[in-house]
Amino acid sequence: MTLDEARRGQVLIIGGISDGRAKDQALRFGLAAGSEVRCEQALRGGPVVLSRGAMQVAIGRRLCPRIAVELAPRRGGVRRGR
């Protein structure tokens, strides 16, 4: 799945980033492959707001399809995300 498919409340792990420029932009925000983030908001036709620690960043819709993500595994039997 890609970041544009993320839903509010999901905890995600960043996978591959398809092009060099998108990868550079994501790295500036600390979003490297393997990073765990939480989708705080996914605005229809607008940005996806992610949080990582105390930081929040809005990723534009043009960049989102270039970032592969997967749902983070459940921890302690509690479902993470929706």
PDB file of N, CA and C in Angstrom:
ATOM      1  N   MET A   1       0.850  -1.172   0.000  1.00  0.00           N
ATOM      2  CA  MET A   1       0.000   0.000   0.000  1.00  0.00           C
ATOM      3  C   MET A   1       0.891   1.229   0.000  1.00  0.00           C
ATOM      4  N   THR A   2       0.330   2.343  -0.400  1.00  0.00           N
ATOM      5  CA  THR A   2       1.095   3.582  -0.405  1.00  0.00           C
ATOM      6  C   THR A   2       0.472   4.565   0.583  1.00  0.00           C
ATOM      7  N   LEU A   3       1.197   5.615   0.878  1.00  0.00           N
ATOM      8  CA  LEU A   3       0.787   6.547   1.914  1.00  0.00           C
ATOM      9  C   LEU A   3      -0.550   7.225   1.620  1.00  0.00           C
ATOM     10  N   ASP A   4      -0.893   7.388   0.348  1.00  0.00           N
ATOM     11  CA  ASP A   4      -2.173   8.010   0.017  1.00  0.00           C
ATOM     12  C   ASP A   4      -3.369   7.135   0.401  1.00  0.00           C
ATOM     13  N   GLU A   5      -3.130   5.869   0.760  1.00  0.00           N
ATOM     14  CA  GLU A   5      -4.193   4.959   1.194  1.00  0.00           C
ATOM     15  C   GLU A   5      -4.311   4.886   2.720  1.00  0.00           C
ATOM     16  N   ALA A   6      -3.455   5.605   3.420  1.00  0.00           N
ATOM     17  CA  ALA A   6      -3.452   5.581   4.887  1.00  0.00           C
ATOM     18  C   ALA A   6      -4.730   6.184   5.449  1.00  0.00           C
ATOM     19  N   ARG A   7      -5.137   5.681   6.593  1.00  0.00           N
ATOM     20  CA  ARG A   7      -6.324   6.169   7.280  1.00  0.00           C
ATOM     21  C   ARG A   7      -5.943   6.654   8.667  1.00  0.00           C
ATOM     22  N   ARG A   8      -6.704   7.600   9.150  1.00  0.00           N
ATOM     23  CA  ARG A   8      -6.466   8.191  10.467  1.00  0.00           C
ATOM     24  C   ARG A   8      -6.391   7.106  11.541  1.00  0.00           C
ATOM     25  N   GLY A   9      -5.383   7.221  12.394  1.00  0.00           N
ATOM     26  CA  GLY A   9      -5.200   6.297  13.503  1.00  0.00           C
ATOM     27  C   GLY A   9      -4.306   5.110  13.198  1.00  0.00           C
ATOM     28  N   GLN A  10      -4.011   4.862  11.937  1.00  0.00           N
ATOM     29  CA  GLN A  10      -3.156   3.722  11.594  1.00  0.00           C
ATOM     30  C   GLN A  10      -1.707   4.011  11.972  1.00  0.00           C
ATOM     31  N   VAL A  11      -1.052   2.988  12.465  1.00  0.00           N
ATOM     32  CA  VAL A  11       0.388   3.062  12.720  1.00  0.00           C
ATOM     33  C   VAL A  11       1.049   2.330  11.559  1.00  0.00           C
ATOM     34  N   LEU A  12       1.972   3.004  10.911  1.00  0.00           N
ATOM     35  CA  LEU A  12       2.562   2.525   9.665  1.00  0.00           C
ATOM     36  C   LEU A  12       4.075   2.446   9.761  1.00  0.00           C
ATOM     37  N   ILE A  13       4.635   1.609   8.925  1.00  0.00           N
ATOM     38  CA  ILE A  13       6.086   1.522   8.773  1.00  0.00           C
ATOM     39  C   ILE A  13       6.400   1.960   7.348  1.00  0.00           C
ATOM     40  N   ILE A  14       7.301   2.930   7.232  1.00  0.00           N
ATOM     41  CA  ILE A  14       7.698   3.434   5.920  1.00  0.00           C
ATOM     42  C   ILE A  14       8.505   2.361   5.209  1.00  0.00           C
ATOM     43  N   GLY A  15       8.130   2.087   3.957  1.00  0.00           N
ATOM     44  CA  GLY A  15       8.855   1.129   3.118  1.00  0.00           C
ATOM     45  C   GLY A  15       9.715   1.878   2.124  1.00  0.00           C
ATOM     46  N   GLY A  16       9.695   1.433   0.899  1.00  0.00           N
ATOM     47  CA  GLY A  16      10.481   2.066  -0.142  1.00  0.00           C
ATOM     48  C   GLY A  16       9.873   3.373  -0.619  1.00  0.00           C
ATOM     49  N   ILE A  17      10.733   4.227  -1.130  1.00  0.00           N
ATOM     50  CA  ILE A  17      10.305   5.495  -1.709  1.00  0.00           C
ATOM     51  C   ILE A  17      10.779   5.478  -3.158  1.00  0.00           C
ATOM     52  N   SER A  18       9.825   5.618  -4.070  1.00  0.00           N
ATOM     53  CA  SER A  18      10.058   5.277  -5.470  1.00  0.00           C
ATOM     54  C   SER A  18      11.015   6.158  -6.269  1.00  0.00           C
ATOM     55  N   ASP A  19      11.165   7.401  -5.939  1.00  0.00           N
ATOM     56  CA  ASP A  19      12.108   8.193  -6.727  1.00  0.00           C
ATOM     57  C   ASP A  19      13.032   9.000  -5.825  1.00  0.00           C
ATOM     58  N   GLY A  20      14.160   9.363  -6.387  1.00  0.00           N
ATOM     59  CA  GLY A  20      15.210  10.036  -5.614  1.00  0.00           C
ATOM     60  C   GLY A  20      14.783  11.342  -4.979  1.00  0.00           C
ATOM     61  N   ARG A  21      14.055  12.159  -5.723  1.00  0.00           N
ATOM     62  CA  ARG A  21      13.636  13.446  -5.173  1.00  0.00           C
ATOM     63  C   ARG A  21      12.660  13.257  -4.014  1.00  0.00           C
ATOM     64  N   ALA A  22      11.719  12.339  -4.177  1.00  0.00           N
ATOM     65  CA  ALA A  22      10.761  12.051  -3.101  1.00  0.00           C
ATOM     66  C   ALA A  22      11.488  11.498  -1.880  1.00  0.00           C
ATOM     67  N   LYS A  23      12.490  10.665  -2.117  1.00  0.00           N
ATOM     68  CA  LYS A  23      13.262  10.093  -1.013  1.00  0.00           C
ATOM     69  C   LYS A  23      14.002  11.193  -0.251  1.00  0.00           C
ATOM     70  N   ASP A  24      14.597  12.116  -0.986  1.00  0.00           N
ATOM     71  CA  ASP A  24      15.294  13.242  -0.346  1.00  0.00           C
ATOM     72  C   ASP A  24      14.340  14.069   0.500  1.00  0.00           C
ATOM     73  N   GLN A  25      13.151  14.351  -0.045  1.00  0.00           N
ATOM     74  CA  GLN A  25      12.166  15.143   0.693  1.00  0.00           C
ATOM     75  C   GLN A  25      11.732  14.413   1.961  1.00  0.00           C
ATOM     76  N   ALA A  26      11.470  13.118   1.854  1.00  0.00           N
ATOM     77  CA  ALA A  26      11.034  12.338   3.009  1.00  0.00           C
ATOM     78  C   ALA A  26      12.134  12.273   4.076  1.00  0.00           C
ATOM     79  N   LEU A  27      13.373  12.109   3.653  1.00  0.00           N
ATOM     80  CA  LEU A  27      14.489  12.035   4.601  1.00  0.00           C
ATOM     81  C   LEU A  27      14.652  13.330   5.394  1.00  0.00           C
ATOM     82  N   ARG A  28      14.346  14.449   4.788  1.00  0.00           N
ATOM     83  CA  ARG A  28      14.421  15.728   5.495  1.00  0.00           C
ATOM     84  C   ARG A  28      13.484  15.765   6.689  1.00  0.00           C
ATOM     85  N   PHE A  29      12.409  14.992   6.607  1.00  0.00           N
ATOM     86  CA  PHE A  29      11.433  14.926   7.698  1.00  0.00           C
ATOM     87  C   PHE A  29      11.665  13.723   8.600  1.00  0.00           C
ATOM     88  N   GLY A  30      12.770  13.001   8.397  1.00  0.00           N
ATOM     89  CA  GLY A  30      13.064  11.842   9.221  1.00  0.00           C
ATOM     90  C   GLY A  30      12.254  10.621   8.853  1.00  0.00           C
ATOM     91  N   LEU A  31      11.761  10.572   7.626  1.00  0.00           N
ATOM     92  CA  LEU A  31      10.927   9.457   7.186  1.00  0.00           C
ATOM     93  C   LEU A  31      11.721   8.522   6.289  1.00  0.00           C
ATOM     94  N   ALA A  32      12.608   7.772   6.888  1.00  0.00           N
ATOM     95  CA  ALA A  32      13.423   6.809   6.157  1.00  0.00           C
ATOM     96  C   ALA A  32      12.751   5.448   6.193  1.00  0.00           C
ATOM     97  N   ALA A  33      13.173   4.561   5.314  1.00  0.00           N
ATOM     98  CA  ALA A  33      12.640   3.198   5.307  1.00  0.00           C
ATOM     99  C   ALA A  33      12.797   2.584   6.696  1.00  0.00           C
ATOM    100  N   GLY A  34      11.731   1.980   7.181  1.00  0.00           N
ATOM    101  CA  GLY A  34      11.741   1.351   8.499  1.00  0.00           C
ATOM    102  C   GLY A  34      11.213   2.242   9.612  1.00  0.00           C
ATOM    103  N   SER A  35      11.023   3.523   9.339  1.00  0.00           N
ATOM    104  CA  SER A  35      10.501   4.449  10.350  1.00  0.00           C
ATOM    105  C   SER A  35       9.036   4.118  10.657  1.00  0.00           C
ATOM    106  N   GLU A  36       8.679   4.185  11.937  1.00  0.00           N
ATOM    107  CA  GLU A  36       7.292   3.974  12.340  1.00  0.00           C
ATOM    108  C   GLU A  36       6.629   5.329  12.555  1.00  0.00           C
ATOM    109  N   VAL A  37       5.478   5.519  11.933  1.00  0.00           N
ATOM    110  CA  VAL A  37       4.739   6.778  12.010  1.00  0.00           C
ATOM    111  C   VAL A  37       3.267   6.482  12.283  1.00  0.00           C
ATOM    112  N   ARG A  38       2.560   7.497  12.737  1.00  0.00           N
ATOM    113  CA  ARG A  38       1.119   7.373  12.960  1.00  0.00           C
ATOM    114  C   ARG A  38       0.412   8.375  12.050  1.00  0.00           C
ATOM    115  N   CYS A  39      -0.631   7.917  11.390  1.00  0.00           N
ATOM    116  CA  CYS A  39      -1.434   8.798  10.546  1.00  0.00           C
ATOM    117  C   CYS A  39      -2.397   9.557  11.449  1.00  0.00           C
ATOM    118  N   GLU A  40      -2.166  10.841  11.570  1.00  0.00           N
ATOM    119  CA  GLU A  40      -3.004  11.689  12.416  1.00  0.00           C
ATOM    120  C   GLU A  40      -4.234  12.190  11.666  1.00  0.00           C
ATOM    121  N   GLN A  41      -4.062  12.406  10.374  1.00  0.00           N
ATOM    122  CA  GLN A  41      -5.160  12.920   9.575  1.00  0.00           C
ATOM    123  C   GLN A  41      -4.875  12.628   8.106  1.00  0.00           C
ATOM    124  N   ALA A  42      -5.917  12.240   7.387  1.00  0.00           N
ATOM    125  CA  ALA A  42      -5.805  12.021   5.945  1.00  0.00           C
ATOM    126  C   ALA A  42      -6.930  12.810   5.295  1.00  0.00           C
ATOM    127  N   LEU A  43      -6.619  14.003   4.841  1.00  0.00           N
ATOM    128  CA  LEU A  43      -7.623  14.888   4.268  1.00  0.00           C
ATOM    129  C   LEU A  43      -7.893  14.496   2.819  1.00  0.00           C
ATOM    130  N   ARG A  44      -9.148  14.313   2.488  1.00  0.00           N
ATOM    131  CA  ARG A  44      -9.519  13.918   1.128  1.00  0.00           C
ATOM    132  C   ARG A  44      -9.046  14.993   0.146  1.00  0.00           C
ATOM    133  N   GLY A  45      -8.201  14.581  -0.778  1.00  0.00           N
ATOM    134  CA  GLY A  45      -7.670  15.522  -1.751  1.00  0.00           C
ATOM    135  C   GLY A  45      -6.606  16.453  -1.194  1.00  0.00           C
ATOM    136  N   GLY A  46      -6.262  16.301   0.080  1.00  0.00           N
ATOM    137  CA  GLY A  46      -5.268  17.157   0.717  1.00  0.00           C
ATOM    138  C   GLY A  46      -4.133  16.325   1.288  1.00  0.00           C
ATOM    139  N   PRO A  47      -3.381  16.914   2.188  1.00  0.00           N
ATOM    140  CA  PRO A  47      -2.213  16.219   2.734  1.00  0.00           C
ATOM    141  C   PRO A  47      -2.569  15.106   3.722  1.00  0.00           C
ATOM    142  N   VAL A  48      -1.588  14.260   3.942  1.00  0.00           N
ATOM    143  CA  VAL A  48      -1.657  13.246   4.996  1.00  0.00           C
ATOM    144  C   VAL A  48      -0.746  13.751   6.107  1.00  0.00           C
ATOM    145  N   VAL A  49      -1.290  13.873   7.314  1.00  0.00           N
ATOM    146  CA  VAL A  49      -0.525  14.373   8.450  1.00  0.00           C
ATOM    147  C   VAL A  49      -0.022  13.176   9.243  1.00  0.00           C
ATOM    148  N   LEU A  50       1.301  13.090   9.387  1.00  0.00           N
ATOM    149  CA  LEU A  50       1.944  11.994  10.114  1.00  0.00           C
ATOM    150  C   LEU A  50       2.597  12.532  11.373  1.00  0.00           C
ATOM    151  N   SER A  51       2.663  11.672  12.386  1.00  0.00           N
ATOM    152  CA  SER A  51       3.432  12.032  13.574  1.00  0.00           C
ATOM    153  C   SER A  51       4.477  10.958  13.813  1.00  0.00           C
ATOM    154  N   ARG A  52       5.599  11.431  14.302  1.00  0.00           N
ATOM    155  CA  ARG A  52       6.702  10.546  14.694  1.00  0.00           C
ATOM    156  C   ARG A  52       7.313  11.186  15.923  1.00  0.00           C
ATOM    157  N   GLY A  53       7.083  10.562  17.072  1.00  0.00           N
ATOM    158  CA  GLY A  53       7.515  11.179  18.319  1.00  0.00           C
ATOM    159  C   GLY A  53       6.714  12.448  18.537  1.00  0.00           C
ATOM    160  N   ALA A  54       7.380  13.547  18.832  1.00  0.00           N
ATOM    161  CA  ALA A  54       6.702  14.819  19.076  1.00  0.00           C
ATOM    162  C   ALA A  54       6.536  15.641  17.796  1.00  0.00           C
ATOM    163  N   MET A  55       7.030  15.126  16.664  1.00  0.00           N
ATOM    164  CA  MET A  55       6.988  15.861  15.412  1.00  0.00           C
ATOM    165  C   MET A  55       5.766  15.477  14.584  1.00  0.00           C
ATOM    166  N   GLN A  56       5.149  16.450  13.945  1.00  0.00           N
ATOM    167  CA  GLN A  56       4.097  16.201  12.980  1.00  0.00           C
ATOM    168  C   GLN A  56       4.510  16.830  11.666  1.00  0.00           C
ATOM    169  N   VAL A  57       4.176  16.142  10.573  1.00  0.00           N
ATOM    170  CA  VAL A  57       4.508  16.654   9.251  1.00  0.00           C
ATOM    171  C   VAL A  57       3.347  16.342   8.309  1.00  0.00           C
ATOM    172  N   ALA A  58       3.035  17.287   7.433  1.00  0.00           N
ATOM    173  CA  ALA A  58       2.000  17.092   6.422  1.00  0.00           C
ATOM    174  C   ALA A  58       2.691  16.744   5.103  1.00  0.00           C
ATOM    175  N   ILE A  59       2.310  15.618   4.545  1.00  0.00           N
ATOM    176  CA  ILE A  59       2.871  15.158   3.278  1.00  0.00           C
ATOM    177  C   ILE A  59       1.834  15.421   2.189  1.00  0.00           C
ATOM    178  N   GLY A  60       2.217  16.143   1.160  1.00  0.00           N
ATOM    179  CA  GLY A  60       1.300  16.483   0.077  1.00  0.00           C
ATOM    180  C   GLY A  60       0.855  15.270  -0.715  1.00  0.00           C
ATOM    181  N   ARG A  61      -0.307  15.373  -1.314  1.00  0.00           N
ATOM    182  CA  ARG A  61      -0.900  14.269  -2.073  1.00  0.00           C
ATOM    183  C   ARG A  61      -0.068  13.837  -3.267  1.00  0.00           C
ATOM    184  N   ARG A  62       0.730  14.715  -3.830  1.00  0.00           N
ATOM    185  CA  ARG A  62       1.585  14.317  -4.954  1.00  0.00           C
ATOM    186  C   ARG A  62       2.727  13.413  -4.503  1.00  0.00           C
ATOM    187  N   LEU A  63       3.188  13.606  -3.291  1.00  0.00           N
ATOM    188  CA  LEU A  63       4.294  12.803  -2.764  1.00  0.00           C
ATOM    189  C   LEU A  63       3.808  11.473  -2.185  1.00  0.00           C
ATOM    190  N   CYS A  64       2.614  11.445  -1.638  1.00  0.00           N
ATOM    191  CA  CYS A  64       2.095  10.254  -0.953  1.00  0.00           C
ATOM    192  C   CYS A  64       2.120   8.964  -1.781  1.00  0.00           C
ATOM    193  N   PRO A  65       1.726   8.978  -3.071  1.00  0.00           N
ATOM    194  CA  PRO A  65       1.742   7.722  -3.839  1.00  0.00           C
ATOM    195  C   PRO A  65       3.143   7.172  -4.079  1.00  0.00           C
ATOM    196  N   ARG A  66       4.151   7.967  -3.822  1.00  0.00           N
ATOM    197  CA  ARG A  66       5.533   7.535  -4.047  1.00  0.00           C
ATOM    198  C   ARG A  66       6.156   6.901  -2.808  1.00  0.00           C
ATOM    199  N   ILE A  67       5.403   6.868  -1.703  1.00  0.00           N
ATOM    200  CA  ILE A  67       5.925   6.329  -0.447  1.00  0.00           C
ATOM    201  C   ILE A  67       5.157   5.061  -0.087  1.00  0.00           C
ATOM    202  N   ALA A  68       5.843   3.935  -0.135  1.00  0.00           N
ATOM    203  CA  ALA A  68       5.237   2.654   0.235  1.00  0.00           C
ATOM    204  C   ALA A  68       5.215   2.536   1.757  1.00  0.00           C
ATOM    205  N   VAL A  69       4.116   2.029   2.283  1.00  0.00           N
ATOM    206  CA  VAL A  69       3.977   1.818   3.720  1.00  0.00           C
ATOM    207  C   VAL A  69       3.310   0.475   3.967  1.00  0.00           C
ATOM    208  N   GLU A  70       3.442  -0.003   5.185  1.00  0.00           N
ATOM    209  CA  GLU A  70       2.709  -1.205   5.616  1.00  0.00           C
ATOM    210  C   GLU A  70       2.219  -0.949   7.025  1.00  0.00           C
ATOM    211  N   LEU A  71       1.152  -1.633   7.384  1.00  0.00           N
ATOM    212  CA  LEU A  71       0.642  -1.502   8.748  1.00  0.00           C
ATOM    213  C   LEU A  71       1.640  -2.088   9.718  1.00  0.00           C
ATOM    214  N   ALA A  72       1.872  -1.402  10.815  1.00  0.00           N
ATOM    215  CA  ALA A  72       2.770  -1.912  11.856  1.00  0.00           C
ATOM    216  C   ALA A  72       2.101  -3.109  12.519  1.00  0.00           C
ATOM    217  N   PRO A  73       2.880  -4.089  12.945  1.00  0.00           N
ATOM    218  CA  PRO A  73       2.285  -5.244  13.630  1.00  0.00           C
ATOM    219  C   PRO A  73       1.650  -4.846  14.952  1.00  0.00           C
ATOM    220  N   ARG A  74       0.678  -5.627  15.346  1.00  0.00           N
ATOM    221  CA  ARG A  74       0.018  -5.395  16.638  1.00  0.00           C
ATOM    222  C   ARG A  74       1.020  -5.622  17.754  1.00  0.00           C
ATOM    223  N   ARG A  75       0.799  -4.896  18.845  1.00  0.00           N
ATOM    224  CA  ARG A  75       1.682  -5.081  20.014  1.00  0.00           C
ATOM    225  C   ARG A  75       0.827  -5.427  21.211  1.00  0.00           C
ATOM    226  N   GLY A  76       1.197  -6.461  21.916  1.00  0.00           N
ATOM    227  CA  GLY A  76       0.493  -6.851  23.132  1.00  0.00           C
ATOM    228  C   GLY A  76      -0.964  -7.233  22.900  1.00  0.00           C
ATOM    229  N   GLY A  77      -1.261  -7.701  21.686  1.00  0.00           N
ATOM    230  CA  GLY A  77      -2.607  -8.134  21.378  1.00  0.00           C
ATOM    231  C   GLY A  77      -3.593  -6.996  21.146  1.00  0.00           C
ATOM    232  N   VAL A  78      -3.129  -5.764  21.154  1.00  0.00           N
ATOM    233  CA  VAL A  78      -4.004  -4.608  20.938  1.00  0.00           C
ATOM    234  C   VAL A  78      -3.928  -4.213  19.472  1.00  0.00           C
ATOM    235  N   ARG A  79      -5.080  -4.057  18.853  1.00  0.00           N
ATOM    236  CA  ARG A  79      -5.108  -3.655  17.458  1.00  0.00           C
ATOM    237  C   ARG A  79      -4.644  -2.210  17.324  1.00  0.00           C
ATOM    238  N   ARG A  80      -3.738  -1.974  16.394  1.00  0.00           N
ATOM    239  CA  ARG A  80      -3.223  -0.630  16.146  1.00  0.00           C
ATOM    240  C   ARG A  80      -3.750  -0.162  14.812  1.00  0.00           C
ATOM    241  N   GLY A  81      -4.378   0.964  14.790  1.00  0.00           N
ATOM    242  CA  GLY A  81      -4.926   1.502  13.555  1.00  0.00           C
ATOM    243  C   GLY A  81      -6.314   0.950  13.277  1.00  0.00           C
ATOM    244  N   ARG A  82      -6.879   1.365  12.146  1.00  0.00           N
ATOM    245  CA  ARG A  82      -8.228   0.904  11.780  1.00  0.00           C
ATOM    246  C   ARG A  82      -8.238   0.383  10.384  1.00  0.00           C
TER     247      ARG A  82
END
